[in-house]
């Protein structure tokens, strides 16, 4: 596993961060424990809690307790509650943080991440409380709305969770640029966009239309536009997801890339991708595919 500096703290974190979310929680306590142990064995020391499932939090906390807490980087999302509501009030945020720390046995969170708050949804009192809370080392933000510009440049956050894939739009690239200027720690998300999951295939030829006397007209073959990223799925020795991860890790401004895996073989494969050098031509191929995709959009 390769490691990167966590801002100017002097701490080193793994190039990938394992997300512990609802999909992991659904696999059950035994698999959660094996997944965390498997990640640790691969050198992963950064974990992101993205679910308030009590079994997930308790089991992950027990597994992580096997490692010196100061060697780990653990972040927690604050946003949607299990009942579907959102509560960024001082009382609501404090209740979630306290419940997670108690259930997990963790003494503190390295970062608490505010999940996509609207412009008037995040009270100043909450930010003040989080800043003063000794159980929190850093305060972060993630989101998709235009208000992200305001939050990133507000001086109130230390960390940004933001997409890091090849198809970033100008707005998302602007967020990363602003975060670098503000010296925020940046963690990449969504390195493997949904559009790249499956290469587009040509459409089957349509049934020939009937002519004026019932005779078939000349056959016309219509194909869907080919996915310009289809080559990712045919690169020898690489999975498409692994190539996207390796490409994201080329960005030196990213402290870590957040990955999703629900089993040990998957996290092992992603950890191996961090160690491999991409084919020399791959960055240029990806850039040409990005341009082709933008023209076709």
C-alpha atoms as a PDB file:
ATOM      1  CA  UNK A   1       0.000   0.000   0.000  1.00  0.00           C
ATOM      2  CA  UNK A   2       1.187   3.486  -0.825  1.00  0.00           C
ATOM      3  CA  UNK A   3       0.693   6.287   1.677  1.00  0.00           C
ATOM      4  CA  UNK A   4       0.187  10.022   1.306  1.00  0.00           C
ATOM      5  CA  UNK A   5       0.531  12.929   3.750  1.00  0.00           C
ATOM      6  CA  UNK A   6      -2.636  14.110   5.483  1.00  0.00           C
ATOM      7  CA  UNK A   7      -2.231  17.826   4.929  1.00  0.00           C
ATOM      8  CA  UNK A   8       0.488  19.315   7.096  1.00  0.00           C
ATOM      9  CA  UNK A   9      -0.284  17.114  10.085  1.00  0.00           C
ATOM     10  CA  UNK A  10       2.674  14.826   9.516  1.00  0.00           C
ATOM     11  CA  UNK A  11       0.295  11.850   9.446  1.00  0.00           C
ATOM     12  CA  UNK A  12       0.378   9.391   6.547  1.00  0.00           C
ATOM     13  CA  UNK A  13      -2.783   7.732   5.240  1.00  0.00           C
ATOM     14  CA  UNK A  14      -3.331   4.918   2.784  1.00  0.00           C
ATOM     15  CA  UNK A  15      -3.940   5.857  -0.842  1.00  0.00           C
ATOM     16  CA  UNK A  16      -7.408   4.319  -0.583  1.00  0.00           C
ATOM     17  CA  UNK A  17     -10.071   4.787   2.076  1.00  0.00           C
ATOM     18  CA  UNK A  18     -12.592   2.004   2.657  1.00  0.00           C
ATOM     19  CA  UNK A  19     -16.222   3.090   2.917  1.00  0.00           C
ATOM     20  CA  UNK A  20     -18.328   1.350   5.543  1.00  0.00           C
ATOM     21  CA  UNK A  21     -21.831   1.987   4.229  1.00  0.00           C
ATOM     22  CA  UNK A  22     -25.259   0.358   3.944  1.00  0.00           C
ATOM     23  CA  UNK A  23     -24.035  -2.166   1.353  1.00  0.00           C
ATOM     24  CA  UNK A  24     -21.362  -3.358   3.795  1.00  0.00           C
ATOM     25  CA  UNK A  25     -23.851  -3.383   6.679  1.00  0.00           C
ATOM     26  CA  UNK A  26     -26.162  -5.650   4.651  1.00  0.00           C
ATOM     27  CA  UNK A  27     -23.494  -8.375   4.505  1.00  0.00           C
ATOM     28  CA  UNK A  28     -23.701  -9.075   8.248  1.00  0.00           C
ATOM     29  CA  UNK A  29     -21.391  -8.825  11.241  1.00  0.00           C
ATOM     30  CA  UNK A  30     -19.094 -11.704  10.279  1.00  0.00           C
ATOM     31  CA  UNK A  31     -18.380 -10.310   6.823  1.00  0.00           C
ATOM     32  CA  UNK A  32     -17.970  -6.761   8.181  1.00  0.00           C
ATOM     33  CA  UNK A  33     -15.302  -8.016  10.565  1.00  0.00           C
ATOM     34  CA  UNK A  34     -13.503  -9.962   7.816  1.00  0.00           C
ATOM     35  CA  UNK A  35     -13.653  -6.972   5.470  1.00  0.00           C
ATOM     36  CA  UNK A  36     -12.100  -4.603   8.012  1.00  0.00           C
ATOM     37  CA  UNK A  37      -9.403  -7.140   8.917  1.00  0.00           C
ATOM     38  CA  UNK A  38      -8.725  -7.768   5.235  1.00  0.00           C
ATOM     39  CA  UNK A  39      -8.344  -4.047   4.568  1.00  0.00           C
ATOM     40  CA  UNK A  40      -5.979  -3.638   7.503  1.00  0.00           C
ATOM     41  CA  UNK A  41      -3.874  -6.562   6.274  1.00  0.00           C
ATOM     42  CA  UNK A  42      -3.550  -4.799   2.913  1.00  0.00           C
ATOM     43  CA  UNK A  43      -2.232  -1.674   4.629  1.00  0.00           C
ATOM     44  CA  UNK A  44      -5.443   0.365   4.549  1.00  0.00           C
ATOM     45  CA  UNK A  45      -5.520   2.676   7.583  1.00  0.00           C
ATOM     46  CA  UNK A  46      -8.254   5.060   6.424  1.00  0.00           C
ATOM     47  CA  UNK A  47     -11.950   4.254   6.904  1.00  0.00           C
ATOM     48  CA  UNK A  48     -15.106   6.265   6.258  1.00  0.00           C
ATOM     49  CA  UNK A  49     -18.313   5.483   8.185  1.00  0.00           C
ATOM     50  CA  UNK A  50     -21.178   6.280   5.802  1.00  0.00           C
ATOM     51  CA  UNK A  51     -23.995   4.489   7.609  1.00  0.00           C
ATOM     52  CA  UNK A  52     -25.571   4.662  11.054  1.00  0.00           C
ATOM     53  CA  UNK A  53     -26.374   0.959  11.106  1.00  0.00           C
ATOM     54  CA  UNK A  54     -25.661  -0.102  14.726  1.00  0.00           C
ATOM     55  CA  UNK A  55     -24.304  -3.545  13.807  1.00  0.00           C
ATOM     56  CA  UNK A  56     -21.921  -2.016  11.274  1.00  0.00           C
ATOM     57  CA  UNK A  57     -20.643   0.611  13.702  1.00  0.00           C
ATOM     58  CA  UNK A  58     -20.243  -1.784  16.616  1.00  0.00           C
ATOM     59  CA  UNK A  59     -18.554  -4.541  14.576  1.00  0.00           C
ATOM     60  CA  UNK A  60     -16.244  -2.193  12.706  1.00  0.00           C
ATOM     61  CA  UNK A  61     -15.277  -0.515  15.969  1.00  0.00           C
ATOM     62  CA  UNK A  62     -14.385  -3.842  17.533  1.00  0.00           C
ATOM     63  CA  UNK A  63     -12.241  -4.809  14.550  1.00  0.00           C
ATOM     64  CA  UNK A  64     -10.485  -1.437  14.392  1.00  0.00           C
ATOM     65  CA  UNK A  65      -9.745  -1.650  18.120  1.00  0.00           C
ATOM     66  CA  UNK A  66      -7.074  -4.226  17.253  1.00  0.00           C
ATOM     67  CA  UNK A  67      -4.928  -1.373  15.869  1.00  0.00           C
ATOM     68  CA  UNK A  68      -3.409   1.595  17.696  1.00  0.00           C
ATOM     69  CA  UNK A  69      -6.057   4.300  17.289  1.00  0.00           C
ATOM     70  CA  UNK A  70      -3.463   6.949  16.475  1.00  0.00           C
ATOM     71  CA  UNK A  71      -2.440   4.973  13.381  1.00  0.00           C
ATOM     72  CA  UNK A  72      -5.937   5.149  11.901  1.00  0.00           C
ATOM     73  CA  UNK A  73      -7.793   7.843   9.983  1.00  0.00           C
ATOM     74  CA  UNK A  74     -11.551   7.469  10.586  1.00  0.00           C
ATOM     75  CA  UNK A  75     -14.209   9.828   9.284  1.00  0.00           C
ATOM     76  CA  UNK A  76     -17.963   9.956   9.871  1.00  0.00           C
ATOM     77  CA  UNK A  77     -20.710  11.331   7.648  1.00  0.00           C
ATOM     78  CA  UNK A  78     -23.366  13.549   9.206  1.00  0.00           C
ATOM     79  CA  UNK A  79     -26.550  14.021   7.195  1.00  0.00           C
ATOM     80  CA  UNK A  80     -29.497  11.724   6.487  1.00  0.00           C
ATOM     81  CA  UNK A  81     -30.825   9.944   9.564  1.00  0.00           C
ATOM     82  CA  UNK A  82     -32.225   6.383   9.546  1.00  0.00           C
ATOM     83  CA  UNK A  83     -35.755   7.832   9.476  1.00  0.00           C
ATOM     84  CA  UNK A  84     -34.948   9.766   6.301  1.00  0.00           C
ATOM     85  CA  UNK A  85     -34.868  13.169   7.989  1.00  0.00           C
ATOM     86  CA  UNK A  86     -31.909  15.524   8.013  1.00  0.00           C
ATOM     87  CA  UNK A  87     -30.800  17.307  11.152  1.00  0.00           C
ATOM     88  CA  UNK A  88     -27.803  19.637  11.249  1.00  0.00           C
ATOM     89  CA  UNK A  89     -28.788  21.259  14.519  1.00  0.00           C
ATOM     90  CA  UNK A  90     -26.350  21.262  17.429  1.00  0.00           C
ATOM     91  CA  UNK A  91     -28.522  18.741  19.268  1.00  0.00           C
ATOM     92  CA  UNK A  92     -28.951  16.492  16.234  1.00  0.00           C
ATOM     93  CA  UNK A  93     -25.298  16.400  15.248  1.00  0.00           C
ATOM     94  CA  UNK A  94     -24.154  15.919  18.831  1.00  0.00           C
ATOM     95  CA  UNK A  95     -26.597  13.018  19.267  1.00  0.00           C
ATOM     96  CA  UNK A  96     -25.313  11.230  16.149  1.00  0.00           C
ATOM     97  CA  UNK A  97     -21.669  11.751  17.060  1.00  0.00           C
ATOM     98  CA  UNK A  98     -22.177  10.562  20.635  1.00  0.00           C
ATOM     99  CA  UNK A  99     -24.118   7.479  19.544  1.00  0.00           C
ATOM    100  CA  UNK A 100     -21.457   6.457  16.987  1.00  0.00           C
ATOM    101  CA  UNK A 101     -18.566   6.937  19.408  1.00  0.00           C
ATOM    102  CA  UNK A 102     -20.351   4.973  22.138  1.00  0.00           C
ATOM    103  CA  UNK A 103     -21.343   2.107  19.843  1.00  0.00           C
ATOM    104  CA  UNK A 104     -17.940   1.844  18.162  1.00  0.00           C
ATOM    105  CA  UNK A 105     -15.790   2.339  21.237  1.00  0.00           C
ATOM    106  CA  UNK A 106     -13.763   4.940  19.367  1.00  0.00           C
ATOM    107  CA  UNK A 107     -12.505   7.862  21.456  1.00  0.00           C
ATOM    108  CA  UNK A 108     -12.690  10.441  18.700  1.00  0.00           C
ATOM    109  CA  UNK A 109     -13.250  11.005  14.976  1.00  0.00           C
ATOM    110  CA  UNK A 110     -10.430  12.212  12.771  1.00  0.00           C
ATOM    111  CA  UNK A 111     -13.027  13.983  10.655  1.00  0.00           C
ATOM    112  CA  UNK A 112     -16.760  14.649  10.635  1.00  0.00           C
ATOM    113  CA  UNK A 113     -18.154  15.305   7.160  1.00  0.00           C
ATOM    114  CA  UNK A 114     -21.271  17.398   6.550  1.00  0.00           C
ATOM    115  CA  UNK A 115     -23.282  15.698   3.800  1.00  0.00           C
ATOM    116  CA  UNK A 116     -24.580  18.068   1.115  1.00  0.00           C
ATOM    117  CA  UNK A 117     -26.111  20.779   3.343  1.00  0.00           C
ATOM    118  CA  UNK A 118     -28.211  23.434   1.635  1.00  0.00           C
ATOM    119  CA  UNK A 119     -27.192  27.079   1.942  1.00  0.00           C
ATOM    120  CA  UNK A 120     -29.361  27.757   4.998  1.00  0.00           C
ATOM    121  CA  UNK A 121     -29.391  24.217   6.403  1.00  0.00           C
ATOM    122  CA  UNK A 122     -26.139  24.278   8.377  1.00  0.00           C
ATOM    123  CA  UNK A 123     -26.418  26.586  11.419  1.00  0.00           C
ATOM    124  CA  UNK A 124     -23.410  28.621  12.471  1.00  0.00           C
ATOM    125  CA  UNK A 125     -23.877  27.269  16.013  1.00  0.00           C
ATOM    126  CA  UNK A 126     -23.358  23.724  14.738  1.00  0.00           C
ATOM    127  CA  UNK A 127     -20.093  24.621  13.033  1.00  0.00           C
ATOM    128  CA  UNK A 128     -18.921  26.423  16.163  1.00  0.00           C
ATOM    129  CA  UNK A 129     -19.781  23.402  18.322  1.00  0.00           C
ATOM    130  CA  UNK A 130     -17.972  21.017  15.995  1.00  0.00           C
ATOM    131  CA  UNK A 131     -14.913  23.259  15.926  1.00  0.00           C
ATOM    132  CA  UNK A 132     -14.729  23.296  19.702  1.00  0.00           C
ATOM    133  CA  UNK A 133     -15.511  19.588  20.222  1.00  0.00           C
ATOM    134  CA  UNK A 134     -12.362  17.746  21.332  1.00  0.00           C
ATOM    135  CA  UNK A 135     -13.794  14.520  19.912  1.00  0.00           C
ATOM    136  CA  UNK A 136     -13.343  15.870  16.365  1.00  0.00           C
ATOM    137  CA  UNK A 137      -9.977  16.645  14.774  1.00  0.00           C
ATOM    138  CA  UNK A 138     -11.209  17.984  11.416  1.00  0.00           C
ATOM    139  CA  UNK A 139     -14.403  19.227   9.838  1.00  0.00           C
ATOM    140  CA  UNK A 140     -15.233  18.348   6.240  1.00  0.00           C
ATOM    141  CA  UNK A 141     -17.860  18.909   3.576  1.00  0.00           C
ATOM    142  CA  UNK A 142     -19.238  16.987   0.610  1.00  0.00           C
ATOM    143  CA  UNK A 143     -22.005  17.970  -1.746  1.00  0.00           C
ATOM    144  CA  UNK A 144     -23.270  18.489  -5.263  1.00  0.00           C
ATOM    145  CA  UNK A 145     -24.981  21.893  -5.244  1.00  0.00           C
ATOM    146  CA  UNK A 146     -23.610  25.303  -6.204  1.00  0.00           C
ATOM    147  CA  UNK A 147     -23.449  26.281  -2.530  1.00  0.00           C
ATOM    148  CA  UNK A 148     -20.290  24.153  -2.317  1.00  0.00           C
ATOM    149  CA  UNK A 149     -18.356  27.169  -3.624  1.00  0.00           C
ATOM    150  CA  UNK A 150     -19.409  29.125  -0.546  1.00  0.00           C
ATOM    151  CA  UNK A 151     -18.617  26.356   1.904  1.00  0.00           C
ATOM    152  CA  UNK A 152     -15.200  25.559   0.392  1.00  0.00           C
ATOM    153  CA  UNK A 153     -14.130  29.204   0.540  1.00  0.00           C
ATOM    154  CA  UNK A 154     -15.697  29.916   3.938  1.00  0.00           C
ATOM    155  CA  UNK A 155     -12.584  29.009   5.930  1.00  0.00           C
ATOM    156  CA  UNK A 156     -14.712  26.803   8.199  1.00  0.00           C
ATOM    157  CA  UNK A 157     -13.708  23.417   6.782  1.00  0.00           C
ATOM    158  CA  UNK A 158     -10.499  21.402   6.735  1.00  0.00           C
ATOM    159  CA  UNK A 159     -11.463  18.645   4.322  1.00  0.00           C
ATOM    160  CA  UNK A 160     -13.350  18.166   1.047  1.00  0.00           C
ATOM    161  CA  UNK A 161     -14.929  14.976  -0.278  1.00  0.00           C
ATOM    162  CA  UNK A 162     -15.377  15.429  -4.033  1.00  0.00           C
ATOM    163  CA  UNK A 163     -15.597  13.368  -7.255  1.00  0.00           C
ATOM    164  CA  UNK A 164     -12.252  12.598  -8.917  1.00  0.00           C
ATOM    165  CA  UNK A 165     -13.132  10.735 -12.118  1.00  0.00           C
ATOM    166  CA  UNK A 166     -12.055  11.471 -15.705  1.00  0.00           C
ATOM    167  CA  UNK A 167     -15.391  13.085 -16.637  1.00  0.00           C
ATOM    168  CA  UNK A 168     -15.396  15.900 -14.084  1.00  0.00           C
ATOM    169  CA  UNK A 169     -17.259  18.990 -15.246  1.00  0.00           C
ATOM    170  CA  UNK A 170     -15.865  22.511 -14.950  1.00  0.00           C
ATOM    171  CA  UNK A 171     -17.775  23.173 -11.735  1.00  0.00           C
ATOM    172  CA  UNK A 172     -16.279  20.140  -9.975  1.00  0.00           C
ATOM    173  CA  UNK A 173     -12.805  21.004 -11.244  1.00  0.00           C
ATOM    174  CA  UNK A 174     -13.327  24.491  -9.808  1.00  0.00           C
ATOM    175  CA  UNK A 175     -14.158  23.007  -6.396  1.00  0.00           C
ATOM    176  CA  UNK A 176     -10.891  21.069  -6.382  1.00  0.00           C
ATOM    177  CA  UNK A 177      -8.942  24.137  -7.442  1.00  0.00           C
ATOM    178  CA  UNK A 178     -10.538  26.227  -4.677  1.00  0.00           C
ATOM    179  CA  UNK A 179      -9.889  23.478  -2.119  1.00  0.00           C
ATOM    180  CA  UNK A 180      -6.206  23.422  -3.044  1.00  0.00           C
ATOM    181  CA  UNK A 181      -6.028  27.203  -2.698  1.00  0.00           C
ATOM    182  CA  UNK A 182      -7.672  26.958   0.729  1.00  0.00           C
ATOM    183  CA  UNK A 183      -5.253  24.132   1.663  1.00  0.00           C
ATOM    184  CA  UNK A 184      -8.084  21.710   2.367  1.00  0.00           C
ATOM    185  CA  UNK A 185      -7.344  18.002   2.590  1.00  0.00           C
ATOM    186  CA  UNK A 186      -9.039  16.454  -0.470  1.00  0.00           C
ATOM    187  CA  UNK A 187     -10.442  12.922  -0.597  1.00  0.00           C
ATOM    188  CA  UNK A 188     -11.642  11.692  -3.971  1.00  0.00           C
ATOM    189  CA  UNK A 189     -15.001   9.979  -4.490  1.00  0.00           C
ATOM    190  CA  UNK A 190     -16.806   8.386  -7.440  1.00  0.00           C
ATOM    191  CA  UNK A 191     -13.578   7.493  -9.237  1.00  0.00           C
ATOM    192  CA  UNK A 192     -15.512   4.915 -11.296  1.00  0.00           C
ATOM    193  CA  UNK A 193     -18.512   6.668 -12.928  1.00  0.00           C
ATOM    194  CA  UNK A 194     -21.653   4.664 -13.599  1.00  0.00           C
ATOM    195  CA  UNK A 195     -21.344   5.293 -17.360  1.00  0.00           C
ATOM    196  CA  UNK A 196     -18.107   3.301 -17.392  1.00  0.00           C
ATOM    197  CA  UNK A 197     -19.427   0.239 -15.589  1.00  0.00           C
ATOM    198  CA  UNK A 198     -20.496  -1.542 -18.762  1.00  0.00           C
ATOM    199  CA  UNK A 199     -19.217  -0.835 -22.272  1.00  0.00           C
ATOM    200  CA  UNK A 200     -21.949   0.115 -24.716  1.00  0.00           C
ATOM    201  CA  UNK A 201     -22.716  -2.565 -27.298  1.00  0.00           C
ATOM    202  CA  UNK A 202     -24.041  -2.072 -30.831  1.00  0.00           C
ATOM    203  CA  UNK A 203     -27.808  -2.252 -31.023  1.00  0.00           C
ATOM    204  CA  UNK A 204     -29.230  -5.296 -32.836  1.00  0.00           C
ATOM    205  CA  UNK A 205     -30.284  -4.573 -36.417  1.00  0.00           C
ATOM    206  CA  UNK A 206     -33.956  -3.591 -36.676  1.00  0.00           C
ATOM    207  CA  UNK A 207     -36.510  -5.672 -38.547  1.00  0.00           C
ATOM    208  CA  UNK A 208     -36.604  -4.582 -42.202  1.00  0.00           C
ATOM    209  CA  UNK A 209     -39.541  -2.305 -43.007  1.00  0.00           C
ATOM    210  CA  UNK A 210     -42.095  -3.412 -45.606  1.00  0.00           C
ATOM    211  CA  UNK A 211     -42.210  -1.738 -48.987  1.00  0.00           C
ATOM    212  CA  UNK A 212     -45.243  -0.636 -50.944  1.00  0.00           C
ATOM    213  CA  UNK A 213     -45.991  -4.159 -52.216  1.00  0.00           C
ATOM    214  CA  UNK A 214     -45.156  -5.854 -48.945  1.00  0.00           C
ATOM    215  CA  UNK A 215     -41.607  -6.551 -50.026  1.00  0.00           C
ATOM    216  CA  UNK A 216     -38.847  -5.789 -47.527  1.00  0.00           C
ATOM    217  CA  UNK A 217     -36.948  -2.588 -48.033  1.00  0.00           C
ATOM    218  CA  UNK A 218     -33.167  -2.517 -48.050  1.00  0.00           C
ATOM    219  CA  UNK A 219     -31.781  -3.461 -44.644  1.00  0.00           C
ATOM    220  CA  UNK A 220     -30.478  -0.559 -42.626  1.00  0.00           C
ATOM    221  CA  UNK A 221     -28.137  -1.297 -39.749  1.00  0.00           C
ATOM    222  CA  UNK A 222     -28.245   1.276 -36.971  1.00  0.00           C
ATOM    223  CA  UNK A 223     -25.742   1.061 -34.183  1.00  0.00           C
ATOM    224  CA  UNK A 224     -25.664   2.898 -30.916  1.00  0.00           C
ATOM    225  CA  UNK A 225     -22.634   5.159 -30.475  1.00  0.00           C
ATOM    226  CA  UNK A 226     -19.758   3.165 -29.076  1.00  0.00           C
ATOM    227  CA  UNK A 227     -18.652   3.964 -25.548  1.00  0.00           C
ATOM    228  CA  UNK A 228     -15.328   5.828 -25.955  1.00  0.00           C
ATOM    229  CA  UNK A 229     -14.225   4.277 -22.671  1.00  0.00           C
ATOM    230  CA  UNK A 230     -14.850   0.701 -23.834  1.00  0.00           C
ATOM    231  CA  UNK A 231     -11.083   0.065 -24.046  1.00  0.00           C
ATOM    232  CA  UNK A 232     -10.990   0.101 -20.225  1.00  0.00           C
ATOM    233  CA  UNK A 233     -12.756  -3.261 -20.280  1.00  0.00           C
ATOM    234  CA  UNK A 234     -10.300  -4.891 -22.677  1.00  0.00           C
ATOM    235  CA  UNK A 235      -6.945  -3.740 -21.269  1.00  0.00           C
ATOM    236  CA  UNK A 236      -4.889  -6.906 -20.576  1.00  0.00           C
ATOM    237  CA  UNK A 237      -4.153  -7.528 -16.909  1.00  0.00           C
ATOM    238  CA  UNK A 238      -6.464  -4.768 -15.654  1.00  0.00           C
ATOM    239  CA  UNK A 239     -10.041  -4.420 -14.484  1.00  0.00           C
ATOM    240  CA  UNK A 240     -11.782  -1.239 -15.685  1.00  0.00           C
ATOM    241  CA  UNK A 241     -12.394  -0.137 -12.096  1.00  0.00           C
ATOM    242  CA  UNK A 242      -8.727  -0.583 -11.221  1.00  0.00           C
ATOM    243  CA  UNK A 243      -7.643   1.582 -14.149  1.00  0.00           C
ATOM    244  CA  UNK A 244     -10.022   4.338 -13.048  1.00  0.00           C
ATOM    245  CA  UNK A 245      -8.640   4.129  -9.526  1.00  0.00           C
ATOM    246  CA  UNK A 246      -5.032   4.237 -10.735  1.00  0.00           C
ATOM    247  CA  UNK A 247      -5.857   7.240 -12.903  1.00  0.00           C
ATOM    248  CA  UNK A 248      -7.432   9.103  -9.974  1.00  0.00           C
ATOM    249  CA  UNK A 249      -4.334   8.446  -7.892  1.00  0.00           C
ATOM    250  CA  UNK A 250      -2.205  10.271 -10.474  1.00  0.00           C
ATOM    251  CA  UNK A 251      -3.554  13.514  -8.985  1.00  0.00           C
ATOM    252  CA  UNK A 252      -1.060  14.534  -6.270  1.00  0.00           C
ATOM    253  CA  UNK A 253      -3.622  16.847  -4.638  1.00  0.00           C
ATOM    254  CA  UNK A 254      -5.708  13.853  -3.518  1.00  0.00           C
ATOM    255  CA  UNK A 255      -4.845  12.582  -0.063  1.00  0.00           C
ATOM    256  CA  UNK A 256      -6.826   9.373  -0.577  1.00  0.00           C
ATOM    257  CA  UNK A 257      -9.499   7.909  -2.850  1.00  0.00           C
ATOM    258  CA  UNK A 258     -12.639   6.534  -1.234  1.00  0.00           C
ATOM    259  CA  UNK A 259     -13.462   3.029  -2.489  1.00  0.00           C
ATOM    260  CA  UNK A 260     -16.416   0.716  -1.997  1.00  0.00           C
ATOM    261  CA  UNK A 261     -15.941  -3.004  -1.475  1.00  0.00           C
ATOM    262  CA  UNK A 262     -18.123  -5.545   0.293  1.00  0.00           C
ATOM    263  CA  UNK A 263     -15.736  -8.495   0.368  1.00  0.00           C
ATOM    264  CA  UNK A 264     -12.067  -9.195   0.990  1.00  0.00           C
ATOM    265  CA  UNK A 265     -11.089 -10.216  -2.584  1.00  0.00           C
ATOM    266  CA  UNK A 266     -12.428  -6.894  -3.870  1.00  0.00           C
ATOM    267  CA  UNK A 267     -10.518  -4.745  -1.383  1.00  0.00           C
ATOM    268  CA  UNK A 268      -7.373  -6.799  -2.039  1.00  0.00           C
ATOM    269  CA  UNK A 269      -7.694  -6.183  -5.773  1.00  0.00           C
ATOM    270  CA  UNK A 270      -8.128  -2.442  -5.253  1.00  0.00           C
ATOM    271  CA  UNK A 271      -5.139  -2.373  -2.903  1.00  0.00           C
ATOM    272  CA  UNK A 272      -3.037  -4.100  -5.580  1.00  0.00           C
ATOM    273  CA  UNK A 273      -4.140  -1.480  -8.134  1.00  0.00           C
ATOM    274  CA  UNK A 274      -2.518   1.177  -5.936  1.00  0.00           C
ATOM    275  CA  UNK A 275       0.810  -0.579  -6.354  1.00  0.00           C
ATOM    276  CA  UNK A 276       0.658  -1.031 -10.121  1.00  0.00           C
ATOM    277  CA  UNK A 277       1.847   1.450 -12.715  1.00  0.00           C
ATOM    278  CA  UNK A 278      -0.711   2.155 -15.424  1.00  0.00           C
ATOM    279  CA  UNK A 279       0.180   1.347 -19.046  1.00  0.00           C
ATOM    280  CA  UNK A 280       2.206   4.285 -20.382  1.00  0.00           C
ATOM    281  CA  UNK A 281      -0.386   5.176 -23.005  1.00  0.00           C
ATOM    282  CA  UNK A 282      -3.391   4.980 -20.673  1.00  0.00           C
ATOM    283  CA  UNK A 283      -3.557   8.634 -19.461  1.00  0.00           C
ATOM    284  CA  UNK A 284      -3.521   9.861 -23.079  1.00  0.00           C
ATOM    285  CA  UNK A 285      -6.167   7.306 -24.083  1.00  0.00           C
ATOM    286  CA  UNK A 286      -8.392   8.408 -21.208  1.00  0.00           C
ATOM    287  CA  UNK A 287      -8.034  12.055 -22.152  1.00  0.00           C
ATOM    288  CA  UNK A 288      -8.940  11.354 -25.769  1.00  0.00           C
ATOM    289  CA  UNK A 289     -11.950   9.321 -24.609  1.00  0.00           C
ATOM    290  CA  UNK A 290     -13.027  12.168 -22.336  1.00  0.00           C
ATOM    291  CA  UNK A 291     -12.911  14.627 -25.229  1.00  0.00           C
ATOM    292  CA  UNK A 292     -14.842  12.223 -27.468  1.00  0.00           C
ATOM    293  CA  UNK A 293     -17.483  11.707 -24.772  1.00  0.00           C
ATOM    294  CA  UNK A 294     -17.896  15.450 -24.220  1.00  0.00           C
ATOM    295  CA  UNK A 295     -18.379  16.041 -27.955  1.00  0.00           C
ATOM    296  CA  UNK A 296     -21.000  13.312 -28.153  1.00  0.00           C
ATOM    297  CA  UNK A 297     -22.927  14.625 -25.136  1.00  0.00           C
END
